[in-house]
Amino acid sequence: MKITLRDALAQGEVNVKFRKIDGTVRDMRATTNGSLFTYEFRTAGGAARPEPAGLIRAFHLDKGEFRSIREDSVISFG
């Protein structure tokens, strides 16, 4: 069974290599597992925004902020 990036991020810390919109390649330590980071969520009007199709919103562990990764731009992860 092949593990997806979404599954890997939900399980823990993942090193993701992806191509940014400007063409540069970025390496990022990220997760979506809320037990691995603390963050004070601030949303306008208290409503959560839906995640657009093809985009993964993950927490950048080195920057302490959320970043979006386009699924079709992922080069590798592990």
PDB file of N, CA and C in Angstrom:
ATOM      1  N   MET A   1       0.846  -1.188   0.000  1.00  0.00           N
ATOM      2  CA  MET A   1       0.000   0.000   0.000  1.00  0.00           C
ATOM      3  C   MET A   1       0.889   1.248   0.000  1.00  0.00           C
ATOM      4  N   LYS A   2       0.628   2.131  -0.918  1.00  0.00           N
ATOM      5  CA  LYS A   2       1.400   3.362  -1.039  1.00  0.00           C
ATOM      6  C   LYS A   2       0.817   4.420  -0.110  1.00  0.00           C
ATOM      7  N   ILE A   3       1.681   5.040   0.697  1.00  0.00           N
ATOM      8  CA  ILE A   3       1.228   6.087   1.618  1.00  0.00           C
ATOM      9  C   ILE A   3       1.190   7.423   0.867  1.00  0.00           C
ATOM     10  N   THR A   4       0.132   8.191   1.105  1.00  0.00           N
ATOM     11  CA  THR A   4       0.005   9.501   0.459  1.00  0.00           C
ATOM     12  C   THR A   4       0.663  10.568   1.331  1.00  0.00           C
ATOM     13  N   LEU A   5       0.938  11.712   0.740  1.00  0.00           N
ATOM     14  CA  LEU A   5       1.507  12.828   1.493  1.00  0.00           C
ATOM     15  C   LEU A   5       0.558  13.242   2.609  1.00  0.00           C
ATOM     16  N   ARG A   6      -0.714  13.292   2.333  1.00  0.00           N
ATOM     17  CA  ARG A   6      -1.696  13.668   3.369  1.00  0.00           C
ATOM     18  C   ARG A   6      -1.622  12.713   4.561  1.00  0.00           C
ATOM     19  N   ASP A   7      -1.519  11.408   4.276  1.00  0.00           N
ATOM     20  CA  ASP A   7      -1.416  10.411   5.348  1.00  0.00           C
ATOM     21  C   ASP A   7      -0.131  10.591   6.153  1.00  0.00           C
ATOM     22  N   ALA A   8       0.975  10.794   5.450  1.00  0.00           N
ATOM     23  CA  ALA A   8       2.266  10.959   6.120  1.00  0.00           C
ATOM     24  C   ALA A   8       2.256  12.200   7.012  1.00  0.00           C
ATOM     25  N   LEU A   9       1.707  13.310   6.532  1.00  0.00           N
ATOM     26  CA  LEU A   9       1.639  14.541   7.319  1.00  0.00           C
ATOM     27  C   LEU A   9       0.767  14.361   8.560  1.00  0.00           C
ATOM     28  N   ALA A  10      -0.308  13.604   8.420  1.00  0.00           N
ATOM     29  CA  ALA A  10      -1.207  13.369   9.550  1.00  0.00           C
ATOM     30  C   ALA A  10      -0.534  12.506  10.625  1.00  0.00           C
ATOM     31  N   GLN A  11       0.391  11.641  10.218  1.00  0.00           N
ATOM     32  CA  GLN A  11       1.071  10.761  11.166  1.00  0.00           C
ATOM     33  C   GLN A  11       2.188  11.455  11.921  1.00  0.00           C
ATOM     34  N   GLY A  12       2.860  12.417  11.301  1.00  0.00           N
ATOM     35  CA  GLY A  12       3.978  13.064  12.000  1.00  0.00           C
ATOM     36  C   GLY A  12       4.764  14.004  11.111  1.00  0.00           C
ATOM     37  N   GLU A  13       6.032  14.199  11.485  1.00  0.00           N
ATOM     38  CA  GLU A  13       6.918  15.113  10.766  1.00  0.00           C
ATOM     39  C   GLU A  13       7.339  14.498   9.437  1.00  0.00           C
ATOM     40  N   VAL A  14       7.278  15.318   8.376  1.00  0.00           N
ATOM     41  CA  VAL A  14       7.618  14.854   7.029  1.00  0.00           C
ATOM     42  C   VAL A  14       8.521  15.888   6.370  1.00  0.00           C
ATOM     43  N   ASN A  15       9.559  15.423   5.690  1.00  0.00           N
ATOM     44  CA  ASN A  15      10.382  16.306   4.868  1.00  0.00           C
ATOM     45  C   ASN A  15       9.782  16.291   3.463  1.00  0.00           C
ATOM     46  N   VAL A  16       9.304  17.456   3.008  1.00  0.00           N
ATOM     47  CA  VAL A  16       8.639  17.570   1.707  1.00  0.00           C
ATOM     48  C   VAL A  16       9.503  18.408   0.785  1.00  0.00           C
ATOM     49  N   LYS A  17       9.742  17.910  -0.415  1.00  0.00           N
ATOM     50  CA  LYS A  17      10.446  18.675  -1.444  1.00  0.00           C
ATOM     51  C   LYS A  17       9.426  18.974  -2.527  1.00  0.00           C
ATOM     52  N   PHE A  18       9.269  20.260  -2.861  1.00  0.00           N
ATOM     53  CA  PHE A  18       8.286  20.645  -3.867  1.00  0.00           C
ATOM     54  C   PHE A  18       8.769  21.837  -4.660  1.00  0.00           C
ATOM     55  N   ARG A  19       8.161  22.058  -5.821  1.00  0.00           N
ATOM     56  CA  ARG A  19       8.510  23.189  -6.682  1.00  0.00           C
ATOM     57  C   ARG A  19       7.501  24.304  -6.440  1.00  0.00           C
ATOM     58  N   LYS A  20       8.028  25.473  -6.073  1.00  0.00           N
ATOM     59  CA  LYS A  20       7.168  26.634  -5.843  1.00  0.00           C
ATOM     60  C   LYS A  20       6.675  27.193  -7.172  1.00  0.00           C
ATOM     61  N   ILE A  21       5.696  28.066  -7.113  1.00  0.00           N
ATOM     62  CA  ILE A  21       5.119  28.667  -8.318  1.00  0.00           C
ATOM     63  C   ILE A  21       6.186  29.383  -9.146  1.00  0.00           C
ATOM     64  N   ASP A  22       7.182  29.993  -8.475  1.00  0.00           N
ATOM     65  CA  ASP A  22       8.230  30.716  -9.207  1.00  0.00           C
ATOM     66  C   ASP A  22       9.290  29.787  -9.797  1.00  0.00           C
ATOM     67  N   GLY A  23       9.131  28.459  -9.604  1.00  0.00           N
ATOM     68  CA  GLY A  23      10.043  27.495 -10.193  1.00  0.00           C
ATOM     69  C   GLY A  23      11.162  27.007  -9.275  1.00  0.00           C
ATOM     70  N   THR A  24      11.355  27.681  -8.153  1.00  0.00           N
ATOM     71  CA  THR A  24      12.400  27.250  -7.233  1.00  0.00           C
ATOM     72  C   THR A  24      11.944  26.015  -6.463  1.00  0.00           C
ATOM     73  N   VAL A  25      12.924  25.213  -6.046  1.00  0.00           N
ATOM     74  CA  VAL A  25      12.620  23.998  -5.295  1.00  0.00           C
ATOM     75  C   VAL A  25      12.801  24.302  -3.818  1.00  0.00           C
ATOM     76  N   ARG A  26      11.848  23.863  -3.008  1.00  0.00           N
ATOM     77  CA  ARG A  26      11.851  24.134  -1.572  1.00  0.00           C
ATOM     78  C   ARG A  26      11.806  22.828  -0.807  1.00  0.00           C
ATOM     79  N   ASP A  27      12.586  22.733   0.254  1.00  0.00           N
ATOM     80  CA  ASP A  27      12.515  21.635   1.213  1.00  0.00           C
ATOM     81  C   ASP A  27      11.853  22.185   2.467  1.00  0.00           C
ATOM     82  N   MET A  28      10.929  21.432   3.036  1.00  0.00           N
ATOM     83  CA  MET A  28      10.199  21.919   4.200  1.00  0.00           C
ATOM     84  C   MET A  28       9.903  20.757   5.151  1.00  0.00           C
ATOM     85  N   ARG A  29      10.173  20.977   6.442  1.00  0.00           N
ATOM     86  CA  ARG A  29       9.748  20.030   7.491  1.00  0.00           C
ATOM     87  C   ARG A  29       8.343  20.439   7.876  1.00  0.00           C
ATOM     88  N   ALA A  30       7.388  19.542   7.693  1.00  0.00           N
ATOM     89  CA  ALA A  30       5.989  19.913   7.902  1.00  0.00           C
ATOM     90  C   ALA A  30       5.191  18.785   8.532  1.00  0.00           C
ATOM     91  N   THR A  31       4.001  19.139   9.021  1.00  0.00           N
ATOM     92  CA  THR A  31       3.068  18.175   9.573  1.00  0.00           C
ATOM     93  C   THR A  31       1.666  18.774   9.568  1.00  0.00           C
ATOM     94  N   THR A  32       0.676  17.900   9.685  1.00  0.00           N
ATOM     95  CA  THR A  32      -0.689  18.345   9.965  1.00  0.00           C
ATOM     96  C   THR A  32      -1.154  17.734  11.283  1.00  0.00           C
ATOM     97  N   ASN A  33      -0.260  17.050  11.964  1.00  0.00           N
ATOM     98  CA  ASN A  33      -0.552  16.404  13.247  1.00  0.00           C
ATOM     99  C   ASN A  33      -0.493  17.460  14.347  1.00  0.00           C
ATOM    100  N   GLY A  34      -1.650  17.856  14.858  1.00  0.00           N
ATOM    101  CA  GLY A  34      -1.759  18.936  15.840  1.00  0.00           C
ATOM    102  C   GLY A  34      -1.049  18.684  17.153  1.00  0.00           C
ATOM    103  N   SER A  35      -0.684  17.456  17.454  1.00  0.00           N
ATOM    104  CA  SER A  35       0.038  17.178  18.698  1.00  0.00           C
ATOM    105  C   SER A  35       1.518  17.547  18.589  1.00  0.00           C
ATOM    106  N   LEU A  36       1.987  17.898  17.383  1.00  0.00           N
ATOM    107  CA  LEU A  36       3.404  18.223  17.185  1.00  0.00           C
ATOM    108  C   LEU A  36       3.697  19.722  17.135  1.00  0.00           C
ATOM    109  N   PHE A  37       2.668  20.546  17.265  1.00  0.00           N
ATOM    110  CA  PHE A  37       2.889  22.000  17.250  1.00  0.00           C
ATOM    111  C   PHE A  37       1.785  22.696  18.027  1.00  0.00           C
ATOM    112  N   THR A  38       2.072  23.919  18.419  1.00  0.00           N
ATOM    113  CA  THR A  38       1.052  24.768  19.034  1.00  0.00           C
ATOM    114  C   THR A  38       0.901  26.001  18.158  1.00  0.00           C
ATOM    115  N   TYR A  39      -0.323  26.410  17.976  1.00  0.00           N
ATOM    116  CA  TYR A  39      -0.607  27.539  17.111  1.00  0.00           C
ATOM    117  C   TYR A  39      -1.934  28.140  17.530  1.00  0.00           C
ATOM    118  N   GLU A  40      -1.969  29.444  17.623  1.00  0.00           N
ATOM    119  CA  GLU A  40      -3.217  30.132  17.963  1.00  0.00           C
ATOM    120  C   GLU A  40      -3.941  30.464  16.665  1.00  0.00           C
ATOM    121  N   PHE A  41      -5.017  29.741  16.396  1.00  0.00           N
ATOM    122  CA  PHE A  41      -5.766  29.940  15.163  1.00  0.00           C
ATOM    123  C   PHE A  41      -6.558  31.235  15.229  1.00  0.00           C
ATOM    124  N   ARG A  42      -6.465  32.014  14.175  1.00  0.00           N
ATOM    125  CA  ARG A  42      -7.222  33.256  14.055  1.00  0.00           C
ATOM    126  C   ARG A  42      -7.959  33.231  12.728  1.00  0.00           C
ATOM    127  N   THR A  43      -9.277  33.196  12.782  1.00  0.00           N
ATOM    128  CA  THR A  43     -10.072  33.217  11.552  1.00  0.00           C
ATOM    129  C   THR A  43     -11.072  34.360  11.626  1.00  0.00           C
ATOM    130  N   ALA A  44     -11.318  34.957  10.499  1.00  0.00           N
ATOM    131  CA  ALA A  44     -12.289  36.046  10.419  1.00  0.00           C
ATOM    132  C   ALA A  44     -13.681  35.490  10.682  1.00  0.00           C
ATOM    133  N   GLY A  45     -14.362  36.011  11.652  1.00  0.00           N
ATOM    134  CA  GLY A  45     -15.720  35.589  11.952  1.00  0.00           C
ATOM    135  C   GLY A  45     -15.813  34.233  12.614  1.00  0.00           C
ATOM    136  N   GLY A  46     -14.680  33.637  12.937  1.00  0.00           N
ATOM    137  CA  GLY A  46     -14.670  32.353  13.620  1.00  0.00           C
ATOM    138  C   GLY A  46     -14.973  31.153  12.741  1.00  0.00           C
ATOM    139  N   ALA A  47     -15.114  31.348  11.431  1.00  0.00           N
ATOM    140  CA  ALA A  47     -15.431  30.234  10.530  1.00  0.00           C
ATOM    141  C   ALA A  47     -14.154  29.665   9.929  1.00  0.00           C
ATOM    142  N   ALA A  48     -14.052  28.355   9.915  1.00  0.00           N
ATOM    143  CA  ALA A  48     -12.899  27.694   9.303  1.00  0.00           C
ATOM    144  C   ALA A  48     -13.028  27.763   7.780  1.00  0.00           C
ATOM    145  N   ARG A  49     -11.916  28.023   7.116  1.00  0.00           N
ATOM    146  CA  ARG A  49     -11.923  28.070   5.658  1.00  0.00           C
ATOM    147  C   ARG A  49     -11.718  26.661   5.106  1.00  0.00           C
ATOM    148  N   PRO A  50     -12.472  26.285   4.092  1.00  0.00           N
ATOM    149  CA  PRO A  50     -12.275  24.966   3.493  1.00  0.00           C
ATOM    150  C   PRO A  50     -10.950  24.923   2.731  1.00  0.00           C
ATOM    151  N   GLU A  51     -10.352  23.744   2.665  1.00  0.00           N
ATOM    152  CA  GLU A  51      -9.104  23.573   1.935  1.00  0.00           C
ATOM    153  C   GLU A  51      -9.431  23.381   0.454  1.00  0.00           C
ATOM    154  N   PRO A  52      -8.886  24.237  -0.426  1.00  0.00           N
ATOM    155  CA  PRO A  52      -9.165  24.094  -1.858  1.00  0.00           C
ATOM    156  C   PRO A  52      -8.661  22.749  -2.389  1.00  0.00           C
ATOM    157  N   ALA A  53      -9.321  22.225  -3.397  1.00  0.00           N
ATOM    158  CA  ALA A  53      -8.914  20.956  -4.004  1.00  0.00           C
ATOM    159  C   ALA A  53      -7.498  21.096  -4.559  1.00  0.00           C
ATOM    160  N   GLY A  54      -6.690  20.067  -4.354  1.00  0.00           N
ATOM    161  CA  GLY A  54      -5.323  20.062  -4.876  1.00  0.00           C
ATOM    162  C   GLY A  54      -4.321  20.787  -4.011  1.00  0.00           C
ATOM    163  N   LEU A  55      -4.771  21.356  -2.901  1.00  0.00           N
ATOM    164  CA  LEU A  55      -3.875  22.076  -2.002  1.00  0.00           C
ATOM    165  C   LEU A  55      -3.853  21.400  -0.638  1.00  0.00           C
ATOM    166  N   ILE A  56      -2.671  21.335  -0.034  1.00  0.00           N
ATOM    167  CA  ILE A  56      -2.528  20.796   1.309  1.00  0.00           C
ATOM    168  C   ILE A  56      -2.029  21.922   2.197  1.00  0.00           C
ATOM    169  N   ARG A  57      -2.750  22.209   3.250  1.00  0.00           N
ATOM    170  CA  ARG A  57      -2.341  23.225   4.217  1.00  0.00           C
ATOM    171  C   ARG A  57      -1.614  22.488   5.343  1.00  0.00           C
ATOM    172  N   ALA A  58      -0.305  22.743   5.478  1.00  0.00           N
ATOM    173  CA  ALA A  58       0.515  22.039   6.464  1.00  0.00           C
ATOM    174  C   ALA A  58       1.281  23.042   7.310  1.00  0.00           C
ATOM    175  N   PHE A  59       1.653  22.614   8.509  1.00  0.00           N
ATOM    176  CA  PHE A  59       2.389  23.477   9.426  1.00  0.00           C
ATOM    177  C   PHE A  59       3.882  23.326   9.162  1.00  0.00           C
ATOM    178  N   HIS A  60       4.552  24.434   8.837  1.00  0.00           N
ATOM    179  CA  HIS A  60       6.002  24.471   8.591  1.00  0.00           C
ATOM    180  C   HIS A  60       6.677  24.498   9.961  1.00  0.00           C
ATOM    181  N   LEU A  61       7.300  23.399  10.337  1.00  0.00           N
ATOM    182  CA  LEU A  61       7.849  23.257  11.689  1.00  0.00           C
ATOM    183  C   LEU A  61       8.999  24.219  11.977  1.00  0.00           C
ATOM    184  N   ASP A  62       9.771  24.604  10.967  1.00  0.00           N
ATOM    185  CA  ASP A  62      10.889  25.524  11.187  1.00  0.00           C
ATOM    186  C   ASP A  62      10.438  26.981  11.274  1.00  0.00           C
ATOM    187  N   LYS A  63       9.420  27.351  10.530  1.00  0.00           N
ATOM    188  CA  LYS A  63       8.919  28.732  10.518  1.00  0.00           C
ATOM    189  C   LYS A  63       7.836  28.977  11.566  1.00  0.00           C
ATOM    190  N   GLY A  64       7.165  27.912  12.022  1.00  0.00           N
ATOM    191  CA  GLY A  64       6.079  28.072  12.989  1.00  0.00           C
ATOM    192  C   GLY A  64       4.828  28.680  12.396  1.00  0.00           C
ATOM    193  N   GLU A  65       4.611  28.441  11.106  1.00  0.00           N
ATOM    194  CA  GLU A  65       3.458  28.996  10.400  1.00  0.00           C
ATOM    195  C   GLU A  65       2.910  27.963   9.421  1.00  0.00           C
ATOM    196  N   PHE A  66       1.674  28.175   8.994  1.00  0.00           N
ATOM    197  CA  PHE A  66       1.090  27.298   7.997  1.00  0.00           C
ATOM    198  C   PHE A  66       1.531  27.720   6.605  1.00  0.00           C
ATOM    199  N   ARG A  67       1.701  26.732   5.750  1.00  0.00           N
ATOM    200  CA  ARG A  67       2.038  26.942   4.347  1.00  0.00           C
ATOM    201  C   ARG A  67       1.147  26.043   3.514  1.00  0.00           C
ATOM    202  N   SER A  68       0.920  26.429   2.281  1.00  0.00           N
ATOM    203  CA  SER A  68       0.141  25.610   1.355  1.00  0.00           C
ATOM    204  C   SER A  68       1.082  24.960   0.354  1.00  0.00           C
ATOM    205  N   ILE A  69       0.798  23.688   0.075  1.00  0.00           N
ATOM    206  CA  ILE A  69       1.582  22.926  -0.894  1.00  0.00           C
ATOM    207  C   ILE A  69       0.618  22.438  -1.963  1.00  0.00           C
ATOM    208  N   ARG A  70       0.919  22.740  -3.222  1.00  0.00           N
ATOM    209  CA  ARG A  70       0.112  22.199  -4.310  1.00  0.00           C
ATOM    210  C   ARG A  70       0.509  20.736  -4.498  1.00  0.00           C
ATOM    211  N   GLU A  71      -0.453  19.850  -4.466  1.00  0.00           N
ATOM    212  CA  GLU A  71      -0.161  18.411  -4.577  1.00  0.00           C
ATOM    213  C   GLU A  71       0.596  18.074  -5.855  1.00  0.00           C
ATOM    214  N   ASP A  72       0.285  18.752  -6.950  1.00  0.00           N
ATOM    215  CA  ASP A  72       0.954  18.450  -8.229  1.00  0.00           C
ATOM    216  C   ASP A  72       2.380  18.999  -8.303  1.00  0.00           C
ATOM    217  N   SER A  73       2.823  19.741  -7.276  1.00  0.00           N
ATOM    218  CA  SER A  73       4.178  20.294  -7.281  1.00  0.00           C
ATOM    219  C   SER A  73       5.143  19.480  -6.425  1.00  0.00           C
ATOM    220  N   VAL A  74       4.641  18.452  -5.734  1.00  0.00           N
ATOM    221  CA  VAL A  74       5.484  17.650  -4.841  1.00  0.00           C
ATOM    222  C   VAL A  74       6.449  16.793  -5.657  1.00  0.00           C
ATOM    223  N   ILE A  75       7.732  16.920  -5.321  1.00  0.00           N
ATOM    224  CA  ILE A  75       8.777  16.132  -5.974  1.00  0.00           C
ATOM    225  C   ILE A  75       9.002  14.850  -5.182  1.00  0.00           C
ATOM    226  N   SER A  76       9.109  14.989  -3.846  1.00  0.00           N
ATOM    227  CA  SER A  76       9.299  13.809  -2.995  1.00  0.00           C
ATOM    228  C   SER A  76       8.928  14.172  -1.572  1.00  0.00           C
ATOM    229  N   PHE A  77       8.728  13.131  -0.761  1.00  0.00           N
ATOM    230  CA  PHE A  77       8.487  13.322   0.675  1.00  0.00           C
ATOM    231  C   PHE A  77       8.908  12.073   1.404  1.00  0.00           C
ATOM    232  N   GLY A  78       9.215  12.254   2.673  1.00  0.00           N
ATOM    233  CA  GLY A  78       9.600  11.093   3.478  1.00  0.00           C
ATOM    234  C   GLY A  78      10.047  11.488   4.851  1.00  0.00           C
TER     235      GLY A  78
END
